[in-house]
Amino acid sequence: MKRNLPLICVLLMIASLVGTIGLTYGQPGIQRRFGAGRMAMELPQNRNGVPMWEVDAAFKDDVFTFVRIEYDSSGRPGAWMTDFPDADLNLSYRLQQLTSLKVDPNGRIMRLTDPELFRFPFIYLIEPGHIYLNPDEVNSLRRYLLNGGFLMVDDFWGEYEWQGLYHAMKQVFPDREPIELPLEHAIFHCVYDLKEKPQIPAIGVAINGRSAGITWEREDAKTPHYRGIFDDKGRMMALICHNTDLGDGWEREGEDPWYFTEFSEKKAYPLGINIIFYAMTH
């Protein structure tokens, strides 16, 4: 996969233009997701209050597009839709707002066998603990990743779901093992300097466990893991975020001020931006 040079150049400007994330918690109603000082934009009804913006027609092929993967599941029909569409829309907006990256305001949903998949260098897969990939999807994902694409996997918890995703990825790469990333890895520091490998719980888990400091959704999921799958040249092709839920940090940012401050602003958005920056520049 050949990445677009104008897009890479824009991404390389992020580190110099973004300081602390400094978001403002949203207000109720139409402004519930975004605080004062945001860009004045039209708010279409079907975007749940997320602002709209125009893409420069001269650079319509040079924008970053958030691509969510639709897949079949043996035990959780529709799991691929978790946190949709708010997570996708909110992250796209925050990328547009906080960085110099030019972003498609709508994103895409695609199957792994869609011929258009190879136009997009970043794809997102959520709740894959019961994922089922048919042979065509296995072959397409392998080709996509080996040709320069990047897969982010998010929001699955515990050992049973890990085995489900692990089995699927071993179909794709029988000879490659996911490798745990140390905190020193650049993905935790390339734009925002994170001091920990964050665990981001669903909003209900966070609120219910606040007094006890519980941020895990299952007893066998207390430790967050960030594992990479690498090609023969050492390029990370996939990042697997296990025992954590960045998507909820993006989706639910406007529902509770404490959750917004502790998880959306401090963890989910900084790490999400880091991951995209890293994926597009390495």
Protein backbone atom coordinates (compact mmCIF):
# COMPACT_ATOMS: atom_id res chain seq x y z
CA MET A 1 0.00 0.00 0.00
CA LYS A 2 1.39 3.36 -1.04
CA ARG A 3 0.63 6.15 1.39
CA ASN A 4 -0.09 9.63 0.08
CA LEU A 5 2.82 12.04 0.56
CA PRO A 6 0.68 15.14 1.22
CA LEU A 7 -1.10 13.24 3.98
CA ILE A 8 2.20 12.10 5.51
CA CYS A 9 3.50 15.68 5.48
CA VAL A 10 0.40 16.93 7.26
CA LEU A 11 0.73 14.20 9.87
CA LEU A 12 4.35 15.09 10.51
CA MET A 13 3.21 18.56 11.55
CA ILE A 14 1.08 17.21 14.40
CA ALA A 15 3.80 16.93 17.02
CA SER A 16 4.78 20.58 16.65
CA LEU A 17 1.21 21.89 16.61
CA VAL A 18 -0.39 19.87 19.41
CA GLY A 19 0.49 20.56 23.02
CA THR A 20 -1.59 19.40 25.96
CA ILE A 21 -4.96 18.16 24.81
CA GLY A 22 -6.91 20.82 26.77
CA LEU A 23 -10.48 19.85 25.85
CA THR A 24 -13.55 21.39 27.44
CA TYR A 25 -16.37 19.17 28.60
CA GLY A 26 -19.50 19.55 26.46
CA GLN A 27 -22.76 21.19 27.42
CA PRO A 28 -26.21 19.52 27.40
CA GLY A 29 -28.31 19.44 24.26
CA ILE A 30 -26.89 20.09 20.83
CA GLN A 31 -23.54 21.12 22.28
CA ARG A 32 -23.24 18.21 24.68
CA ARG A 33 -20.11 16.76 23.05
CA PHE A 34 -17.99 19.87 22.64
CA GLY A 35 -17.17 22.80 24.89
CA ALA A 36 -16.62 26.50 24.30
CA GLY A 37 -14.13 27.58 21.67
CA ARG A 38 -14.88 24.80 19.19
CA MET A 39 -15.16 25.54 15.49
CA ALA A 40 -18.47 27.00 14.36
CA MET A 41 -19.89 24.34 12.08
CA GLU A 42 -23.26 23.13 10.88
CA LEU A 43 -24.73 20.38 13.06
CA PRO A 44 -26.66 17.92 10.89
CA GLN A 45 -29.32 15.96 12.78
CA ASN A 46 -27.95 12.57 11.78
CA ARG A 47 -24.54 13.23 13.39
CA ASN A 48 -25.83 13.24 16.99
CA GLY A 49 -24.57 16.77 17.55
CA VAL A 50 -21.07 16.19 16.16
CA PRO A 51 -20.01 19.19 14.04
CA MET A 52 -19.67 18.91 10.27
CA TRP A 53 -16.89 20.45 8.20
CA GLU A 54 -16.07 20.76 4.54
CA VAL A 55 -13.26 18.86 2.87
CA ASP A 56 -11.17 20.89 0.43
CA ALA A 57 -12.16 19.60 -3.01
CA ALA A 58 -8.58 20.00 -4.22
CA PHE A 59 -7.38 17.56 -1.53
CA LYS A 60 -10.35 15.23 -1.20
CA ASP A 61 -8.08 12.21 -1.73
CA ASP A 62 -5.53 13.41 0.85
CA VAL A 63 -7.73 13.29 3.94
CA PHE A 64 -7.56 10.73 6.72
CA THR A 65 -10.61 8.46 6.75
CA PHE A 66 -11.57 6.41 9.80
CA VAL A 67 -12.54 2.97 8.44
CA ARG A 68 -14.52 0.58 10.64
CA ILE A 69 -14.49 -3.09 9.66
CA GLU A 70 -17.73 -5.04 9.45
CA TYR A 71 -17.28 -8.72 10.21
CA ASP A 72 -19.27 -11.86 11.09
CA SER A 73 -19.36 -13.15 14.65
CA SER A 74 -20.01 -16.65 15.96
CA GLY A 75 -21.48 -15.48 19.26
CA ARG A 76 -22.03 -11.71 19.15
CA PRO A 77 -23.99 -10.71 16.02
CA GLY A 78 -23.44 -7.02 15.33
CA ALA A 79 -20.48 -6.73 17.72
CA TRP A 80 -18.62 -4.82 15.01
CA MET A 81 -21.09 -1.93 15.49
CA THR A 82 -20.17 -1.33 19.15
CA ASP A 83 -19.79 2.41 19.91
CA PHE A 84 -20.95 3.28 16.38
CA PRO A 85 -21.38 5.95 15.10
CA ASP A 86 -20.40 8.30 17.93
CA ALA A 87 -16.90 6.89 18.50
CA ASP A 88 -16.03 7.25 14.81
CA LEU A 89 -17.54 10.72 14.48
CA ASN A 90 -16.07 12.07 17.71
CA LEU A 91 -12.56 10.80 17.01
CA SER A 92 -12.67 12.18 13.48
CA TYR A 93 -13.80 15.55 14.85
CA ARG A 94 -11.12 15.65 17.54
CA LEU A 95 -8.44 14.80 14.97
CA GLN A 96 -9.68 17.68 12.81
CA GLN A 97 -9.91 20.01 15.82
CA LEU A 98 -6.71 19.20 17.71
CA THR A 99 -4.23 18.46 14.93
CA SER A 100 -3.27 19.76 11.52
CA LEU A 101 -4.51 16.51 10.00
CA LYS A 102 -7.27 16.93 7.40
CA VAL A 103 -10.01 14.41 8.11
CA ASP A 104 -13.05 12.98 6.38
CA PRO A 105 -15.98 13.97 8.64
CA ASN A 106 -17.97 10.82 7.92
CA GLY A 107 -15.63 7.82 7.90
CA ARG A 108 -16.44 4.50 6.24
CA ILE A 109 -17.72 1.01 7.05
CA MET A 110 -16.12 -1.74 4.96
CA ARG A 111 -15.81 -5.50 4.71
CA LEU A 112 -12.32 -6.92 4.48
CA THR A 113 -13.08 -8.18 0.98
CA ASP A 114 -14.13 -4.77 -0.34
CA PRO A 115 -11.82 -3.86 -3.27
CA GLU A 116 -11.81 -0.26 -1.99
CA LEU A 117 -10.13 -1.36 1.26
CA PHE A 118 -6.67 -0.90 -0.22
CA ARG A 119 -7.29 2.83 -0.69
CA PHE A 120 -7.30 3.34 3.09
CA PRO A 121 -4.13 2.79 5.16
CA PHE A 122 -5.88 2.54 8.57
CA ILE A 123 -8.70 0.20 9.66
CA TYR A 124 -10.42 -0.29 13.02
CA LEU A 125 -11.82 -3.54 14.40
CA ILE A 126 -13.82 -3.63 17.63
CA GLU A 127 -15.02 -6.38 20.01
CA PRO A 128 -13.42 -9.25 18.06
CA GLY A 129 -13.62 -11.90 20.78
CA HIS A 130 -16.06 -13.97 18.71
CA ILE A 131 -14.91 -12.93 15.24
CA TYR A 132 -15.25 -15.29 12.31
CA LEU A 133 -13.17 -14.72 9.17
CA ASN A 134 -13.88 -16.70 6.03
CA PRO A 135 -10.96 -17.71 3.76
CA ASP A 136 -11.44 -14.73 1.43
CA GLU A 137 -11.35 -12.32 4.39
CA VAL A 138 -8.24 -14.00 5.80
CA ASN A 139 -6.44 -13.66 2.48
CA SER A 140 -7.57 -10.07 1.96
CA LEU A 141 -6.48 -8.97 5.45
CA ARG A 142 -3.10 -10.64 4.98
CA ARG A 143 -2.57 -8.86 1.66
CA TYR A 144 -3.75 -5.55 3.10
CA LEU A 145 -1.35 -5.68 6.05
CA LEU A 146 1.65 -6.94 4.09
CA ASN A 147 1.11 -4.19 1.53
CA GLY A 148 1.40 -1.41 4.11
CA GLY A 149 -2.01 -1.26 5.78
CA PHE A 150 -2.47 -0.87 9.54
CA LEU A 151 -5.08 -2.58 11.72
CA MET A 152 -6.14 -1.32 15.15
CA VAL A 153 -8.04 -3.83 17.31
CA ASP A 154 -9.96 -2.50 20.33
CA ASP A 155 -12.41 -3.31 23.15
CA PHE A 156 -12.25 -6.96 24.07
CA TRP A 157 -11.67 -8.34 27.53
CA GLY A 158 -10.41 -11.44 29.28
CA GLU A 159 -8.70 -14.64 28.20
CA TYR A 160 -11.64 -16.22 26.38
CA GLU A 161 -12.02 -13.24 24.02
CA TRP A 162 -8.25 -13.04 23.62
CA GLN A 163 -8.20 -16.63 22.38
CA GLY A 164 -10.94 -15.82 19.87
CA LEU A 165 -8.98 -12.93 18.36
CA TYR A 166 -5.69 -14.83 18.59
CA HIS A 167 -7.15 -17.74 16.63
CA ALA A 168 -8.34 -15.37 13.89
CA MET A 169 -4.97 -13.63 13.62
CA LYS A 170 -3.15 -16.97 13.46
CA GLN A 171 -5.27 -17.75 10.42
CA VAL A 172 -3.99 -14.54 8.88
CA PHE A 173 -0.36 -15.00 10.00
CA PRO A 174 0.34 -18.57 11.15
CA ASP A 175 4.05 -17.80 11.55
CA ARG A 176 3.79 -14.48 13.43
CA GLU A 177 3.16 -13.90 17.13
CA PRO A 178 1.71 -10.74 18.71
CA ILE A 179 4.44 -9.04 20.75
CA GLU A 180 3.71 -7.05 23.92
CA LEU A 181 4.83 -3.44 23.50
CA PRO A 182 6.86 -1.90 26.33
CA LEU A 183 5.84 1.47 27.69
CA GLU A 184 8.96 2.90 26.05
CA HIS A 185 7.60 2.14 22.59
CA ALA A 186 7.10 5.21 20.40
CA ILE A 187 3.38 4.60 20.04
CA PHE A 188 2.92 5.80 23.63
CA HIS A 189 5.02 8.95 23.13
CA CYS A 190 5.07 10.06 19.47
CA VAL A 191 2.62 12.96 19.94
CA TYR A 192 1.35 12.79 23.52
CA ASP A 193 3.73 11.49 26.17
CA LEU A 194 1.80 8.86 28.11
CA LYS A 195 3.15 7.76 31.49
CA GLU A 196 1.34 4.43 31.50
CA LYS A 197 -0.26 1.90 29.21
CA PRO A 198 -3.80 3.09 29.88
CA GLN A 199 -6.80 0.99 30.72
CA ILE A 200 -9.98 2.69 29.55
CA PRO A 201 -13.19 1.08 30.79
CA ALA A 202 -16.73 1.45 29.51
CA ILE A 203 -18.42 4.41 31.15
CA GLY A 204 -20.70 2.29 33.35
CA VAL A 205 -17.80 0.23 34.67
CA ALA A 206 -15.80 3.39 35.36
CA ILE A 207 -18.58 5.12 37.27
CA ASN A 208 -19.58 2.05 39.27
CA GLY A 209 -15.98 1.25 40.15
CA ARG A 210 -14.85 4.81 40.79
CA SER A 211 -14.65 4.61 44.58
CA ALA A 212 -12.67 1.35 44.44
CA GLY A 213 -10.49 2.38 41.52
CA ILE A 214 -11.78 -0.46 39.34
CA THR A 215 -11.13 0.07 35.63
CA TRP A 216 -11.38 -3.52 34.39
CA GLU A 217 -14.50 -5.20 33.09
CA ARG A 218 -13.63 -8.77 34.15
CA GLU A 219 -11.55 -10.37 36.86
CA ASP A 220 -9.21 -11.91 34.28
CA ALA A 221 -8.80 -8.56 32.54
CA LYS A 222 -7.12 -6.40 35.17
CA THR A 223 -4.00 -5.71 33.10
CA PRO A 224 -4.22 -3.80 29.81
CA HIS A 225 -2.16 -5.22 26.97
CA TYR A 226 -0.96 -3.53 23.79
CA ARG A 227 0.49 -6.07 21.38
CA GLY A 228 1.92 -5.54 17.92
CA ILE A 229 2.19 -7.82 14.90
CA PHE A 230 5.21 -6.96 12.75
CA ASP A 231 6.30 -7.68 9.19
CA ASP A 232 9.72 -9.01 8.18
CA LYS A 233 11.19 -5.50 8.15
CA GLY A 234 9.98 -4.70 11.66
CA ARG A 235 7.04 -2.50 10.62
CA MET A 236 4.04 -2.81 12.92
CA MET A 237 1.10 -4.01 10.84
CA ALA A 238 -1.44 -4.38 13.65
CA LEU A 239 -1.91 -2.99 17.14
CA ILE A 240 -4.09 -5.11 19.44
CA CYS A 241 -5.51 -3.17 22.39
CA HIS A 242 -6.71 -5.82 24.86
CA ASN A 243 -8.43 -5.28 28.22
CA THR A 244 -9.19 -1.67 27.35
CA ASP A 245 -11.84 0.27 25.42
CA LEU A 246 -10.65 3.38 23.60
CA GLY A 247 -13.88 3.40 21.61
CA ASP A 248 -15.99 4.11 24.69
CA GLY A 249 -13.65 6.93 25.64
CA TRP A 250 -14.40 8.49 22.25
CA GLU A 251 -18.09 7.62 22.10
CA ARG A 252 -19.17 8.61 25.61
CA GLU A 253 -17.10 11.77 26.09
CA GLY A 254 -20.17 13.99 26.53
CA GLU A 255 -22.08 11.96 29.10
CA ASP A 256 -20.22 12.49 32.37
CA PRO A 257 -17.69 15.23 33.28
CA TRP A 258 -15.55 12.94 35.44
CA TYR A 259 -15.36 10.21 32.78
CA PHE A 260 -14.55 12.85 30.17
CA THR A 261 -11.68 14.27 32.25
CA GLU A 262 -10.22 11.02 33.52
CA PHE A 263 -10.57 8.79 30.49
CA SER A 264 -11.55 10.63 27.28
CA GLU A 265 -9.26 13.64 27.65
CA LYS A 266 -6.32 12.05 29.47
CA LYS A 267 -6.20 8.65 27.80
CA ALA A 268 -8.53 7.73 24.94
CA TYR A 269 -7.93 10.73 22.70
CA PRO A 270 -4.18 11.11 23.30
CA LEU A 271 -3.55 7.42 22.66
CA GLY A 272 -5.90 7.37 19.66
CA ILE A 273 -4.05 10.30 18.09
CA ASN A 274 -0.70 8.64 18.85
CA ILE A 275 -1.80 5.40 17.20
CA ILE A 276 -2.98 7.12 14.03
CA PHE A 277 0.14 9.28 13.84
CA TYR A 278 2.36 6.23 14.32
CA ALA A 279 0.43 4.13 11.81
CA MET A 280 0.66 6.77 9.11
CA THR A 281 4.33 7.64 9.54
CA HIS A 282 6.08 4.31 10.17
